[in-house]
Amino acid sequence: MIERWVKDLVLVKTFIGLRFQEAILKKVSQVVKLQYRLATAEEESRGIDGAIGNTEVSIKPKSWKEQVIQREQLVGVIVYYSKTDDGIEIEFEPSDF
């Protein structure tokens, strides 16, 4: 049971999460016409998922936005997303970049 849980977490959820992050970074970068990159290990340890131009970006589900208590103090711009039947819906402010 534990092995199955670990495989699901590492192989499925982590992989899908990383693909979402990259797709979101790519889309936002196209809109604001800047280059994007994924975060380094050091940046990830600070809650950063990537950068667009010179701006650090954290990607969070829209449900995170609505939480009263947020456990992380994030720096940079936060891009929110929600999964839809058609893919991913993202929310961000282009002027933040």
N, C-alpha and C. Protein backbone atom coordinates (compact mmCIF):
# COMPACT_ATOMS: atom_id res chain seq x y z
N MET A 1 0.82 -1.18 0.00
CA MET A 1 0.00 0.00 0.00
C MET A 1 0.87 1.26 0.00
N ILE A 2 1.90 1.30 0.81
CA ILE A 2 2.79 2.46 0.88
C ILE A 2 3.53 2.62 -0.44
N GLU A 3 3.98 1.52 -1.01
CA GLU A 3 4.68 1.58 -2.29
C GLU A 3 3.78 2.17 -3.37
N ARG A 4 2.53 1.77 -3.39
CA ARG A 4 1.58 2.30 -4.37
C ARG A 4 1.36 3.79 -4.16
N TRP A 5 1.26 4.23 -2.90
CA TRP A 5 1.08 5.64 -2.58
C TRP A 5 2.28 6.45 -3.04
N VAL A 6 3.49 5.95 -2.77
CA VAL A 6 4.72 6.65 -3.17
C VAL A 6 4.81 6.75 -4.69
N LYS A 7 4.51 5.68 -5.40
CA LYS A 7 4.54 5.71 -6.87
C LYS A 7 3.55 6.73 -7.40
N ASP A 8 2.35 6.77 -6.83
CA ASP A 8 1.35 7.73 -7.27
C ASP A 8 1.83 9.15 -7.03
N LEU A 9 2.40 9.40 -5.86
CA LEU A 9 2.88 10.74 -5.52
C LEU A 9 4.04 11.16 -6.42
N VAL A 10 5.03 10.32 -6.53
CA VAL A 10 6.25 10.69 -7.25
C VAL A 10 6.08 10.62 -8.76
N LEU A 11 5.55 9.53 -9.23
CA LEU A 11 5.49 9.33 -10.68
C LEU A 11 4.31 10.02 -11.35
N VAL A 12 3.18 10.05 -10.70
CA VAL A 12 1.99 10.61 -11.34
C VAL A 12 1.79 12.07 -10.96
N LYS A 13 1.60 12.34 -9.68
CA LYS A 13 1.27 13.71 -9.27
C LYS A 13 2.42 14.67 -9.50
N THR A 14 3.63 14.30 -9.18
CA THR A 14 4.77 15.20 -9.38
C THR A 14 4.98 15.46 -10.87
N PHE A 15 4.92 14.43 -11.68
CA PHE A 15 5.10 14.58 -13.12
C PHE A 15 4.03 15.50 -13.71
N ILE A 16 2.79 15.26 -13.36
CA ILE A 16 1.69 16.08 -13.88
C ILE A 16 1.84 17.53 -13.39
N GLY A 17 2.20 17.69 -12.13
CA GLY A 17 2.39 19.04 -11.59
C GLY A 17 3.47 19.80 -12.33
N LEU A 18 4.57 19.14 -12.64
CA LEU A 18 5.65 19.79 -13.38
C LEU A 18 5.22 20.14 -14.80
N ARG A 19 4.44 19.29 -15.43
CA ARG A 19 3.94 19.59 -16.78
C ARG A 19 2.99 20.79 -16.74
N PHE A 20 2.14 20.87 -15.71
CA PHE A 20 1.25 22.02 -15.55
C PHE A 20 2.08 23.29 -15.38
N GLN A 21 3.08 23.23 -14.50
CA GLN A 21 3.92 24.40 -14.25
C GLN A 21 4.55 24.91 -15.54
N GLU A 22 5.13 24.00 -16.30
CA GLU A 22 5.79 24.42 -17.52
C GLU A 22 4.79 24.98 -18.53
N ALA A 23 3.63 24.36 -18.66
CA ALA A 23 2.61 24.85 -19.59
C ALA A 23 2.14 26.25 -19.18
N ILE A 24 1.96 26.47 -17.90
CA ILE A 24 1.51 27.77 -17.40
C ILE A 24 2.59 28.82 -17.62
N LEU A 25 3.84 28.50 -17.29
CA LEU A 25 4.93 29.45 -17.52
C LEU A 25 5.04 29.81 -19.00
N LYS A 26 4.92 28.82 -19.85
CA LYS A 26 5.03 29.04 -21.28
C LYS A 26 3.91 29.97 -21.78
N LYS A 27 2.67 29.72 -21.35
CA LYS A 27 1.55 30.54 -21.79
C LYS A 27 1.68 31.98 -21.31
N VAL A 28 2.01 32.17 -20.05
CA VAL A 28 2.17 33.53 -19.52
C VAL A 28 3.31 34.24 -20.25
N SER A 29 4.40 33.55 -20.49
CA SER A 29 5.54 34.17 -21.18
C SER A 29 5.16 34.59 -22.60
N GLN A 30 4.31 33.82 -23.25
CA GLN A 30 3.86 34.20 -24.60
C GLN A 30 3.01 35.47 -24.55
N VAL A 31 2.15 35.57 -23.53
CA VAL A 31 1.27 36.74 -23.41
C VAL A 31 2.09 38.00 -23.13
N VAL A 32 3.07 37.91 -22.23
CA VAL A 32 3.85 39.09 -21.84
C VAL A 32 5.10 39.28 -22.70
N LYS A 33 5.32 38.35 -23.63
CA LYS A 33 6.43 38.42 -24.59
C LYS A 33 7.80 38.47 -23.91
N LEU A 34 7.99 37.56 -22.95
CA LEU A 34 9.26 37.40 -22.26
C LEU A 34 9.62 35.92 -22.23
N GLN A 35 10.88 35.62 -22.05
CA GLN A 35 11.34 34.24 -21.94
C GLN A 35 10.99 33.68 -20.56
N TYR A 36 10.81 32.37 -20.49
CA TYR A 36 10.55 31.73 -19.20
C TYR A 36 11.60 30.64 -18.96
N ARG A 37 11.69 30.23 -17.71
CA ARG A 37 12.51 29.09 -17.33
C ARG A 37 11.93 28.47 -16.07
N LEU A 38 12.20 27.19 -15.90
CA LEU A 38 11.80 26.51 -14.66
C LEU A 38 12.74 26.92 -13.54
N ALA A 39 12.31 26.72 -12.31
CA ALA A 39 13.09 27.10 -11.14
C ALA A 39 14.29 26.18 -10.94
N THR A 40 15.31 26.75 -10.32
CA THR A 40 16.44 25.95 -9.86
C THR A 40 16.04 25.26 -8.56
N ALA A 41 16.84 24.34 -8.10
CA ALA A 41 16.55 23.65 -6.84
C ALA A 41 16.50 24.64 -5.68
N GLU A 42 17.41 25.61 -5.69
CA GLU A 42 17.44 26.61 -4.62
C GLU A 42 16.17 27.46 -4.64
N GLU A 43 15.73 27.84 -5.83
CA GLU A 43 14.50 28.62 -5.94
C GLU A 43 13.29 27.80 -5.49
N GLU A 44 13.24 26.54 -5.89
CA GLU A 44 12.14 25.68 -5.47
C GLU A 44 12.04 25.59 -3.96
N SER A 45 13.19 25.58 -3.28
CA SER A 45 13.18 25.50 -1.82
C SER A 45 12.57 26.75 -1.19
N ARG A 46 12.48 27.84 -1.95
CA ARG A 46 11.85 29.08 -1.48
C ARG A 46 10.43 29.25 -1.99
N GLY A 47 9.89 28.22 -2.68
CA GLY A 47 8.52 28.27 -3.15
C GLY A 47 8.36 28.87 -4.54
N ILE A 48 9.47 29.04 -5.25
CA ILE A 48 9.44 29.60 -6.61
C ILE A 48 9.35 28.44 -7.60
N ASP A 49 8.48 28.58 -8.60
CA ASP A 49 8.30 27.53 -9.60
C ASP A 49 9.01 27.83 -10.91
N GLY A 50 9.39 29.07 -11.12
CA GLY A 50 10.08 29.45 -12.34
C GLY A 50 10.26 30.94 -12.40
N ALA A 51 10.65 31.42 -13.58
CA ALA A 51 10.82 32.85 -13.78
C ALA A 51 10.35 33.20 -15.18
N ILE A 52 9.79 34.39 -15.29
CA ILE A 52 9.40 34.94 -16.59
C ILE A 52 10.11 36.29 -16.67
N GLY A 53 10.97 36.41 -17.67
CA GLY A 53 11.86 37.56 -17.68
C GLY A 53 12.73 37.47 -16.44
N ASN A 54 12.81 38.54 -15.68
CA ASN A 54 13.58 38.53 -14.42
C ASN A 54 12.69 38.39 -13.19
N THR A 55 11.43 38.06 -13.41
CA THR A 55 10.47 37.99 -12.31
C THR A 55 10.25 36.56 -11.86
N GLU A 56 10.45 36.31 -10.56
CA GLU A 56 10.19 34.99 -10.00
C GLU A 56 8.68 34.75 -9.94
N VAL A 57 8.29 33.51 -10.21
CA VAL A 57 6.88 33.17 -10.29
C VAL A 57 6.58 31.95 -9.43
N SER A 58 5.48 32.03 -8.68
CA SER A 58 4.94 30.88 -7.97
C SER A 58 3.61 30.54 -8.60
N ILE A 59 3.37 29.26 -8.81
CA ILE A 59 2.13 28.81 -9.44
C ILE A 59 1.32 28.06 -8.40
N LYS A 60 0.10 28.53 -8.18
CA LYS A 60 -0.75 27.95 -7.15
C LYS A 60 -2.15 27.71 -7.69
N PRO A 61 -2.84 26.69 -7.18
CA PRO A 61 -4.24 26.49 -7.57
C PRO A 61 -5.09 27.64 -7.05
N LYS A 62 -6.17 27.95 -7.75
CA LYS A 62 -7.05 29.04 -7.32
C LYS A 62 -7.57 28.82 -5.91
N SER A 63 -7.73 27.56 -5.50
CA SER A 63 -8.21 27.27 -4.14
C SER A 63 -7.24 27.82 -3.09
N TRP A 64 -5.97 27.89 -3.41
CA TRP A 64 -4.95 28.43 -2.49
C TRP A 64 -5.23 29.90 -2.22
N LYS A 65 -5.69 30.61 -3.26
CA LYS A 65 -5.97 32.05 -3.16
C LYS A 65 -7.05 32.33 -2.14
N GLU A 66 -7.99 31.40 -2.01
CA GLU A 66 -9.15 31.60 -1.15
C GLU A 66 -8.93 31.14 0.29
N GLN A 67 -7.80 30.54 0.58
CA GLN A 67 -7.53 30.07 1.93
C GLN A 67 -7.27 31.24 2.84
N VAL A 68 -7.83 31.17 4.03
CA VAL A 68 -7.66 32.25 5.00
C VAL A 68 -6.23 32.27 5.51
N ILE A 69 -5.71 31.11 5.83
CA ILE A 69 -4.34 31.02 6.35
C ILE A 69 -3.47 30.39 5.27
N GLN A 70 -2.47 31.12 4.85
CA GLN A 70 -1.55 30.60 3.86
C GLN A 70 -0.22 30.35 4.56
N ARG A 71 0.26 29.14 4.47
CA ARG A 71 1.42 28.73 5.24
C ARG A 71 2.74 29.21 4.66
N GLU A 72 2.73 29.68 3.44
CA GLU A 72 3.96 30.10 2.80
C GLU A 72 3.99 31.61 2.63
N GLN A 73 5.16 32.19 2.78
CA GLN A 73 5.36 33.60 2.46
C GLN A 73 6.11 33.61 1.13
N LEU A 74 5.39 33.85 0.06
CA LEU A 74 5.99 33.76 -1.26
C LEU A 74 6.46 35.12 -1.74
N VAL A 75 7.53 35.10 -2.51
CA VAL A 75 8.03 36.31 -3.15
C VAL A 75 7.70 36.22 -4.63
N GLY A 76 7.78 37.34 -5.31
CA GLY A 76 7.52 37.33 -6.74
C GLY A 76 6.03 37.36 -7.04
N VAL A 77 5.72 37.02 -8.26
CA VAL A 77 4.35 37.06 -8.76
C VAL A 77 3.71 35.68 -8.59
N ILE A 78 2.44 35.67 -8.21
CA ILE A 78 1.71 34.42 -8.09
C ILE A 78 0.76 34.30 -9.27
N VAL A 79 0.84 33.18 -9.95
CA VAL A 79 -0.08 32.86 -11.05
C VAL A 79 -0.99 31.75 -10.54
N TYR A 80 -2.29 31.97 -10.65
CA TYR A 80 -3.26 30.99 -10.19
C TYR A 80 -3.79 30.18 -11.37
N TYR A 81 -4.13 28.93 -11.09
CA TYR A 81 -4.70 28.08 -12.14
C TYR A 81 -5.81 27.23 -11.57
N SER A 82 -6.65 26.77 -12.49
CA SER A 82 -7.64 25.75 -12.13
C SER A 82 -7.76 24.81 -13.31
N LYS A 83 -7.98 23.55 -13.00
CA LYS A 83 -8.18 22.55 -14.04
C LYS A 83 -9.61 22.64 -14.54
N THR A 84 -9.76 22.56 -15.86
CA THR A 84 -11.09 22.57 -16.46
C THR A 84 -11.22 21.33 -17.34
N ASP A 85 -12.39 21.11 -17.85
CA ASP A 85 -12.59 19.97 -18.76
C ASP A 85 -11.74 20.12 -20.02
N ASP A 86 -11.47 21.37 -20.39
CA ASP A 86 -10.72 21.65 -21.62
C ASP A 86 -9.22 21.81 -21.40
N GLY A 87 -8.76 21.81 -20.16
CA GLY A 87 -7.33 21.99 -19.89
C GLY A 87 -7.11 22.75 -18.60
N ILE A 88 -6.41 23.89 -18.71
CA ILE A 88 -6.06 24.69 -17.54
C ILE A 88 -6.50 26.12 -17.79
N GLU A 89 -7.12 26.72 -16.79
CA GLU A 89 -7.47 28.14 -16.83
C GLU A 89 -6.50 28.86 -15.92
N ILE A 90 -5.86 29.93 -16.41
CA ILE A 90 -4.89 30.64 -15.59
C ILE A 90 -5.34 32.07 -15.34
N GLU A 91 -4.89 32.61 -14.22
CA GLU A 91 -5.23 33.97 -13.80
C GLU A 91 -3.95 34.67 -13.37
N PHE A 92 -3.65 35.81 -14.01
CA PHE A 92 -2.47 36.58 -13.66
C PHE A 92 -2.65 38.00 -14.15
N GLU A 93 -1.80 38.89 -13.68
CA GLU A 93 -1.84 40.29 -14.08
C GLU A 93 -0.62 40.56 -14.97
N PRO A 94 -0.81 40.76 -16.27
CA PRO A 94 0.32 40.98 -17.18
C PRO A 94 1.23 42.12 -16.76
N SER A 95 0.67 43.16 -16.14
CA SER A 95 1.50 44.30 -15.74
C SER A 95 2.48 43.96 -14.62
N ASP A 96 2.32 42.79 -13.97
CA ASP A 96 3.26 42.37 -12.93
C ASP A 96 4.61 42.00 -13.50
N PHE A 97 4.68 41.83 -14.81
CA PHE A 97 5.92 41.43 -15.45
C PHE A 97 6.56 42.60 -16.16
